[in-house]
Protein backbone atom coordinates (compact mmCIF):
# COMPACT_ATOMS: atom_id res chain seq x y z
CA MET A 1 -0.36 -0.10 0.13
CA SER A 2 2.79 2.49 0.69
CA GLN A 3 4.35 1.80 -2.86
CA GLN A 4 1.22 3.00 -4.19
CA ASN A 5 1.31 6.33 -2.43
CA ASP A 6 5.07 6.74 -3.38
CA ASP A 7 4.16 6.38 -7.01
CA LYS A 8 1.45 8.47 -6.91
CA ASP A 9 3.57 11.24 -4.80
CA ASN A 10 6.39 10.78 -7.41
CA TRP A 11 4.26 11.25 -10.65
CA LYS A 12 2.62 14.63 -8.89
CA VAL A 13 6.38 15.51 -8.45
CA ASN A 14 8.07 14.20 -11.88
CA GLY A 15 4.88 14.44 -14.05
CA PRO A 16 4.10 11.92 -16.65
CA LYS A 17 6.81 10.59 -18.79
CA ALA A 18 7.75 12.58 -22.13
CA GLY A 19 6.70 11.87 -25.43
CA PRO A 20 9.09 10.80 -28.29
CA GLU A 21 12.28 12.28 -28.52
CA LYS A 22 12.48 12.33 -32.18
CA LEU A 23 9.72 14.31 -34.12
CA PRO A 24 9.52 13.52 -38.23
CA PRO A 25 10.46 16.45 -40.09
CA PRO A 26 7.91 19.40 -41.15
CA THR A 27 6.76 18.52 -44.81
CA VAL A 28 4.81 20.85 -47.33
CA TRP A 29 2.99 17.85 -48.76
CA PRO A 30 -0.46 17.97 -46.34
CA ALA A 31 -0.44 22.07 -47.75
CA THR A 32 -0.14 20.87 -51.02
CA LEU A 33 -2.82 18.00 -50.77
CA SER A 34 -5.35 20.76 -49.17
CA LEU A 35 -4.81 23.56 -51.99
CA GLY A 36 -5.67 21.10 -54.20
CA VAL A 37 -8.63 19.84 -52.73
CA THR A 38 -9.29 23.74 -52.21
CA LEU A 39 -9.05 24.34 -56.14
CA ILE A 40 -10.96 21.56 -57.16
CA SER A 41 -13.78 23.13 -55.23
CA PHE A 42 -13.53 26.65 -56.46
CA GLY A 43 -13.05 25.16 -60.01
CA VAL A 44 -16.71 23.82 -59.62
CA VAL A 45 -17.83 26.97 -59.70
CA THR A 46 -15.46 28.79 -61.71
CA SER A 47 -13.60 26.93 -64.37
CA TRP A 48 -12.66 23.93 -65.57
CA ILE A 49 -8.91 24.64 -65.54
CA MET A 50 -8.92 25.63 -61.77
CA SER A 51 -10.17 22.03 -61.19
CA ALA A 52 -7.66 20.60 -63.36
CA THR A 53 -4.79 22.26 -61.74
CA GLY A 54 -6.49 21.33 -58.55
CA PHE A 55 -6.28 17.73 -59.36
CA LEU A 56 -2.53 17.48 -60.27
CA LEU A 57 -2.00 19.29 -56.67
CA LEU A 58 -4.17 17.06 -55.56
CA PHE A 59 -2.30 14.03 -57.23
CA PHE A 60 1.43 15.50 -56.53
CA GLY A 61 0.45 16.29 -52.97
CA ALA A 62 -0.41 12.50 -52.10
CA ALA A 63 2.17 10.98 -53.76
CA GLY A 64 4.87 13.14 -52.35
CA TRP A 65 3.35 12.62 -48.58
CA VAL A 66 3.00 8.87 -49.48
CA GLU A 67 6.75 8.63 -50.62
CA ASP A 68 7.90 10.94 -47.11
CA LEU A 69 5.83 8.07 -45.38
CA ARG A 70 7.67 5.14 -47.04
CA ASN A 71 10.95 6.90 -46.70
CA ASP A 72 10.51 7.00 -42.70
């Protein structure tokens, strides 16, 4: 019983354990993917050229993001 109280008191003093020490590097692919989706949406109400550009950005953003995940 005493051991349980000591563990709880130790947690209050030291706090929870830290998260991962190594964070993944920042990447531009999620922003590229979201820009592609946005351009597709705007292209639906404006012109097909904007939608086509959005589809290209969507494709390259998804491909780049998957490639980054495969290399990690």
